[in-house]
Protein backbone atom coordinates (compact mmCIF):
# COMPACT_ATOMS: atom_id res chain seq x y z
CA MET A 1 -14.44 -10.08 4.01
CA LEU A 2 -12.45 -8.59 6.87
CA ARG A 3 -11.94 -4.86 6.36
CA GLY A 4 -9.23 -2.67 7.87
CA LEU A 5 -9.08 0.90 9.12
CA ASP A 6 -8.69 3.23 6.14
CA HIS A 7 -8.99 6.72 7.61
CA VAL A 8 -10.80 9.00 10.02
CA VAL A 9 -12.37 12.29 9.01
CA VAL A 10 -11.65 15.10 11.47
CA ALA A 11 -14.07 17.98 10.92
CA VAL A 12 -12.38 21.30 11.66
CA ARG A 13 -13.27 24.93 11.11
CA ASP A 14 -9.90 25.73 9.52
CA HIS A 15 -7.99 22.83 7.96
CA ASN A 16 -4.86 24.94 7.53
CA ALA A 17 -4.77 25.79 11.24
CA ALA A 18 -5.44 22.15 12.06
CA GLY A 19 -2.63 21.16 9.72
CA GLU A 20 -0.26 23.49 11.56
CA ALA A 21 -1.27 21.89 14.88
CA PHE A 22 -0.45 18.42 13.57
CA ALA A 23 2.76 19.68 11.94
CA ALA A 24 3.84 21.06 15.32
CA LEU A 25 3.56 17.49 16.65
CA GLY A 26 5.97 16.24 13.98
CA PHE A 27 3.57 15.17 11.23
CA ILE A 28 3.87 15.90 7.52
CA VAL A 29 0.60 17.37 6.25
CA THR A 30 -0.26 17.32 2.54
CA PRO A 31 -1.18 20.46 0.58
CA GLU A 32 -4.83 21.54 0.38
CA ASN A 33 -7.22 19.78 -1.97
CA ARG A 34 -10.83 20.77 -2.68
CA HIS A 35 -13.95 18.74 -3.35
CA SER A 36 -16.56 19.75 -5.90
CA TRP A 37 -19.26 19.65 -3.18
CA GLY A 38 -17.82 22.47 -1.09
CA THR A 39 -15.34 20.90 1.35
CA ALA A 40 -11.54 21.08 1.46
CA ASN A 41 -8.97 18.89 3.13
CA ARG A 42 -5.38 18.21 4.05
CA LEU A 43 -4.17 14.72 4.86
CA ILE A 44 -1.71 12.95 7.13
CA GLN A 45 -0.61 9.66 5.60
CA LEU A 46 0.58 6.65 7.55
CA ASP A 47 1.15 3.08 6.33
CA GLY A 48 -2.15 2.33 4.58
CA PHE A 49 -4.14 4.72 6.80
CA PHE A 50 -4.62 8.48 6.87
CA ILE A 51 -6.16 11.30 8.86
CA GLU A 52 -8.35 13.65 6.84
CA LEU A 53 -8.54 17.20 8.18
CA LEU A 54 -11.74 18.47 6.60
CA SER A 55 -13.34 21.91 6.57
CA VAL A 56 -16.25 23.59 4.82
CA ALA A 57 -14.72 25.83 2.17
CA GLU A 58 -17.72 26.74 -0.01
CA PRO A 59 -20.96 26.26 1.95
CA ASP A 60 -23.14 27.31 -0.98
CA ARG A 61 -21.96 24.26 -2.95
CA ILE A 62 -22.89 21.68 -0.32
CA PRO A 63 -25.88 19.53 -1.35
CA GLU A 64 -28.38 18.38 1.25
CA SER A 65 -29.04 14.73 2.06
CA ASP A 66 -32.20 13.48 0.39
CA GLY A 67 -33.76 10.14 1.28
CA ASP A 68 -31.21 7.46 0.42
CA SER A 69 -28.71 10.03 -0.88
CA PHE A 70 -26.04 10.78 1.73
CA SER A 71 -24.33 14.19 1.66
CA PHE A 72 -20.74 14.00 2.93
CA GLY A 73 -20.49 17.78 2.98
CA ALA A 74 -23.77 18.35 4.81
CA PHE A 75 -22.97 15.72 7.43
CA ASN A 76 -19.67 17.37 8.32
CA ARG A 77 -21.12 20.88 8.15
CA ASP A 78 -23.80 19.87 10.63
CA PHE A 79 -21.27 18.03 12.82
CA LEU A 80 -19.31 21.27 13.19
CA THR A 81 -22.28 23.05 14.75
CA ALA A 82 -21.46 21.10 17.95
CA GLY A 83 -17.69 21.54 17.64
CA GLU A 84 -14.58 20.17 16.00
CA GLY A 85 -13.67 16.50 16.22
CA ALA A 86 -13.55 13.12 14.51
CA SER A 87 -16.80 12.87 12.55
CA MET A 88 -16.44 9.73 10.44
CA LEU A 89 -14.84 6.29 10.64
CA VAL A 90 -13.80 4.71 7.34
CA LEU A 91 -12.80 1.14 6.49
CA ASP A 92 -11.01 0.05 3.34
CA SER A 93 -12.66 -1.70 0.41
CA SER A 94 -11.55 -3.81 -2.53
CA ASP A 95 -15.04 -4.41 -3.90
CA PRO A 96 -17.87 -1.92 -3.20
CA GLU A 97 -20.53 -4.20 -4.69
CA HIS A 98 -19.47 -7.03 -2.40
CA ASP A 99 -19.51 -4.60 0.54
CA ARG A 100 -23.09 -3.63 -0.27
CA ALA A 101 -24.19 -7.25 -0.58
CA GLU A 102 -22.64 -8.09 2.80
CA PHE A 103 -24.12 -5.02 4.49
CA GLN A 104 -27.56 -5.78 3.10
CA LYS A 105 -27.29 -9.39 4.27
CA ALA A 106 -26.39 -8.11 7.75
CA GLY A 107 -29.43 -5.83 7.72
CA LEU A 108 -27.41 -2.59 7.89
CA ARG A 109 -28.79 0.80 6.81
CA LEU A 110 -27.27 1.69 3.43
CA PHE A 111 -27.23 4.79 1.27
CA GLU A 112 -26.84 5.15 -2.49
CA PRO A 113 -23.36 4.39 -3.96
CA PHE A 114 -21.12 7.41 -4.39
CA SER A 115 -17.97 7.72 -6.51
CA PHE A 116 -15.77 10.64 -7.46
CA GLU A 117 -12.45 11.60 -8.98
CA ARG A 118 -10.36 14.72 -8.49
CA VAL A 119 -6.90 16.06 -9.21
CA ALA A 120 -4.52 15.87 -6.25
CA THR A 121 -1.78 18.46 -5.77
CA TYR A 122 1.61 17.39 -4.41
CA ALA A 123 4.15 19.39 -2.45
CA ASP A 124 6.26 20.07 -5.59
CA GLY A 125 3.23 21.43 -7.44
CA THR A 126 2.70 18.37 -9.66
CA THR A 127 -0.74 16.82 -9.95
CA ALA A 128 -2.28 13.38 -10.52
CA LYS A 129 -5.73 11.84 -10.71
CA VAL A 130 -7.18 10.18 -7.62
CA GLY A 131 -10.57 8.49 -7.35
CA PHE A 132 -12.66 6.73 -4.72
CA ASP A 133 -15.77 4.56 -4.47
CA LEU A 134 -17.66 5.14 -1.20
CA THR A 135 -20.33 3.02 0.48
CA PHE A 136 -22.10 5.02 3.19
CA LEU A 137 -24.04 3.35 5.98
CA GLN A 138 -25.50 4.28 9.35
CA ASP A 139 -25.66 2.89 12.85
CA PRO A 140 -29.22 3.76 13.94
CA LEU A 141 -28.04 3.82 17.56
CA GLY A 142 -25.22 6.22 16.73
CA PRO A 143 -26.28 8.58 13.91
CA GLY A 144 -23.80 11.22 15.06
CA ILE A 145 -20.93 9.16 13.61
CA GLY A 146 -20.56 8.80 9.84
CA TYR A 147 -19.46 5.43 8.49
CA PHE A 148 -18.37 4.31 5.04
CA THR A 149 -16.03 2.02 3.17
CA CYS A 150 -13.61 3.44 0.62
CA ARG A 151 -12.03 1.85 -2.43
CA ASN A 152 -9.00 3.75 -3.68
CA ARG A 153 -9.00 3.58 -7.49
CA TYR A 154 -5.47 4.93 -8.00
CA PRO A 155 -3.41 3.98 -4.94
CA GLU A 156 -0.19 4.52 -6.89
CA ASN A 157 -1.11 8.21 -7.22
CA PHE A 158 -2.38 8.60 -3.67
CA TRP A 159 0.21 7.03 -1.35
CA LYS A 160 3.57 8.84 -1.33
CA PRO A 161 6.65 7.91 0.75
CA GLU A 162 7.54 11.59 1.13
CA PHE A 163 4.23 12.16 2.93
CA GLN A 164 4.95 9.32 5.36
CA SER A 165 8.41 10.29 6.67
CA HIS A 166 7.16 12.00 9.82
CA ALA A 167 9.65 13.64 12.17
CA ASN A 168 7.92 12.06 15.17
CA GLY A 169 8.33 8.56 13.72
CA ALA A 170 4.59 8.01 13.19
CA SER A 171 4.18 4.91 11.07
CA ALA A 172 0.89 3.07 11.53
CA VAL A 173 -2.56 3.21 13.07
CA ALA A 174 -2.98 1.09 16.19
CA ALA A 175 -6.58 1.82 17.22
CA VAL A 176 -9.60 4.08 16.98
CA TYR A 177 -11.45 4.71 20.26
CA LEU A 178 -15.20 5.25 20.39
CA VAL A 179 -17.05 6.22 23.57
CA ALA A 180 -20.61 4.98 24.08
CA ALA A 181 -22.97 4.84 27.04
CA ASP A 182 -23.41 1.11 26.42
CA PRO A 183 -20.73 -0.30 24.07
CA SER A 184 -22.64 -3.58 23.63
CA ASP A 185 -25.40 -1.69 21.81
CA HIS A 186 -23.07 -1.27 18.84
CA HIS A 187 -21.53 -4.73 18.49
CA GLU A 188 -23.93 -5.91 15.77
CA PHE A 189 -23.43 -2.85 13.56
CA LEU A 190 -19.65 -2.71 14.00
CA GLY A 191 -19.29 -6.44 13.43
CA GLY A 192 -21.19 -6.19 10.15
CA PHE A 193 -19.31 -3.04 9.15
CA ALA A 194 -15.87 -4.57 9.71
CA GLY A 195 -16.80 -8.07 8.52
CA GLN A 196 -15.61 -9.34 11.89
CA ARG A 197 -18.08 -11.12 14.14
CA GLU A 198 -15.51 -12.10 16.73
CA MET A 199 -14.86 -9.41 19.31
CA ARG A 200 -13.71 -9.24 22.89
CA ALA A 201 -16.17 -7.91 25.47
CA THR A 202 -15.00 -6.72 28.89
CA SER A 203 -16.36 -4.53 31.66
CA LEU A 204 -14.63 -1.62 29.90
CA GLY A 205 -16.26 -2.16 26.53
CA LEU A 206 -15.69 -3.88 23.19
CA GLU A 207 -12.49 -4.67 21.29
CA LEU A 208 -12.80 -5.48 17.59
CA ARG A 209 -9.68 -6.32 15.61
CA THR A 210 -9.78 -5.34 11.95
CA ALA A 211 -7.42 -6.15 9.09
CA ARG A 212 -5.56 -2.93 9.99
CA GLY A 213 -5.79 -1.72 13.58
CA THR A 214 -8.39 -2.16 16.30
CA ILE A 215 -11.74 -0.51 17.01
CA LEU A 216 -12.29 0.00 20.74
CA VAL A 217 -15.69 1.02 22.10
CA MET A 218 -15.44 2.14 25.71
CA THR A 219 -17.72 3.40 28.45
CA PRO A 220 -17.17 7.01 29.53
CA TYR A 221 -15.68 5.80 32.82
CA ALA A 222 -13.24 3.46 31.08
CA TYR A 223 -12.20 6.16 28.63
CA GLU A 224 -11.65 8.75 31.37
CA THR A 225 -9.54 6.23 33.28
CA LEU A 226 -7.38 5.67 30.22
CA VAL A 227 -7.04 9.18 28.85
CA GLY A 228 -8.42 11.68 31.37
CA SER A 229 -11.65 13.57 31.97
CA GLN A 230 -10.57 16.65 29.98
CA ALA A 231 -10.30 14.55 26.82
CA LEU A 232 -13.87 13.33 27.17
CA ALA A 233 -15.24 16.78 27.98
CA ALA A 234 -13.83 18.14 24.70
CA ILE A 235 -15.72 15.65 22.50
CA PRO A 236 -18.52 17.52 20.67
CA GLY A 237 -22.12 16.31 20.60
CA ASP A 238 -23.88 13.38 22.18
CA LEU A 239 -22.51 9.87 22.61
CA PRO A 240 -21.54 7.70 20.91
CA ARG A 241 -18.61 9.60 19.43
CA ILE A 242 -15.17 8.91 17.99
CA ALA A 243 -12.92 10.06 20.80
CA ALA A 244 -9.31 9.16 20.09
CA LEU A 245 -6.81 7.80 17.61
CA GLU A 246 -3.78 5.75 18.59
CA VAL A 247 -0.72 5.86 16.31
CA THR A 248 2.52 3.90 16.68
CA CYS A 249 5.76 5.88 16.35
CA ARG A 250 9.22 4.55 15.63
CA GLY A 251 11.85 5.84 18.04
CA LEU A 252 9.35 7.07 20.61
CA ALA A 253 10.55 6.28 24.14
CA GLU A 254 7.27 6.47 26.01
CA ARG A 255 3.55 6.88 25.42
CA ARG A 256 2.33 10.43 24.83
CA VAL A 257 -1.25 11.68 24.94
CA VAL A 258 -2.36 14.91 23.28
CA THR A 259 -5.88 15.53 24.56
CA ALA A 260 -8.85 16.68 22.51
CA ASP A 261 -8.92 20.15 24.07
CA GLN A 262 -5.44 20.69 22.59
CA LEU A 263 -6.03 19.16 19.15
CA CYS A 264 -9.22 19.89 17.20
CA GLY A 265 -11.52 17.79 19.40
CA LEU A 266 -9.55 14.58 18.77
CA THR A 267 -7.35 12.93 21.40
CA LEU A 268 -4.16 11.59 19.84
CA ILE A 269 -2.29 8.76 21.57
CA LEU A 270 1.29 8.30 20.37
CA THR A 271 2.64 4.86 21.28
CA PRO A 272 6.16 3.45 20.87
CA ALA A 273 6.35 1.03 17.96
CA ALA A 274 7.27 -2.52 18.86
């Protein structure tokens, strides 16, 4: 089963301030929603993909990880001790049980299943139920990045055209960029995670095409050549890390790069849509 990019979690100290930064770039940002385990978020929806701006709202409510139980809140809380940035990479799911069976067959490190529902608030003040089934797993060679698949139980309540009409023309995810000292170290995990064993290896790193967008794993030198040294310097923590997100924009005349030091530890690459 080939999975596609679903969203990235961007851990920030203030999700409202982060939302204002993205709004200044021409994005529509959803109203705040809160999780029962102490985090809060605002979202930026594209076509089948979204950016989750996540902060710790109620630290006393965050449970700790325990054995095979993964704590989403604790992971992002601890990530923020090094700085803001993209903390988690998420792929879509249509069948969590099938995901687990495939991950186990591939020998990947799995955590206990996790599901939740909440009430989402829309811009006009109306609400609707949303729910998700999450399958957390870990790359032992890159524990600083969180990975999971996500099945959206009520997509009709979640995806809204009014949240996707961005002034900058942003329409779809093109790629997620990871930086690793040795990209080849992560090919087995990422191949099993995405359900895609075919990937392109070059002197710059790995290129793995998913059902929605591409995962690129680059060496520090390759990434600096593409984006600039300041963008790499702003990534919190040790490598490997999620460094950048590339989004296609309708009506954009030329490529634009907003580096991580200007945007919550995440470099944003805006590319003209074909």
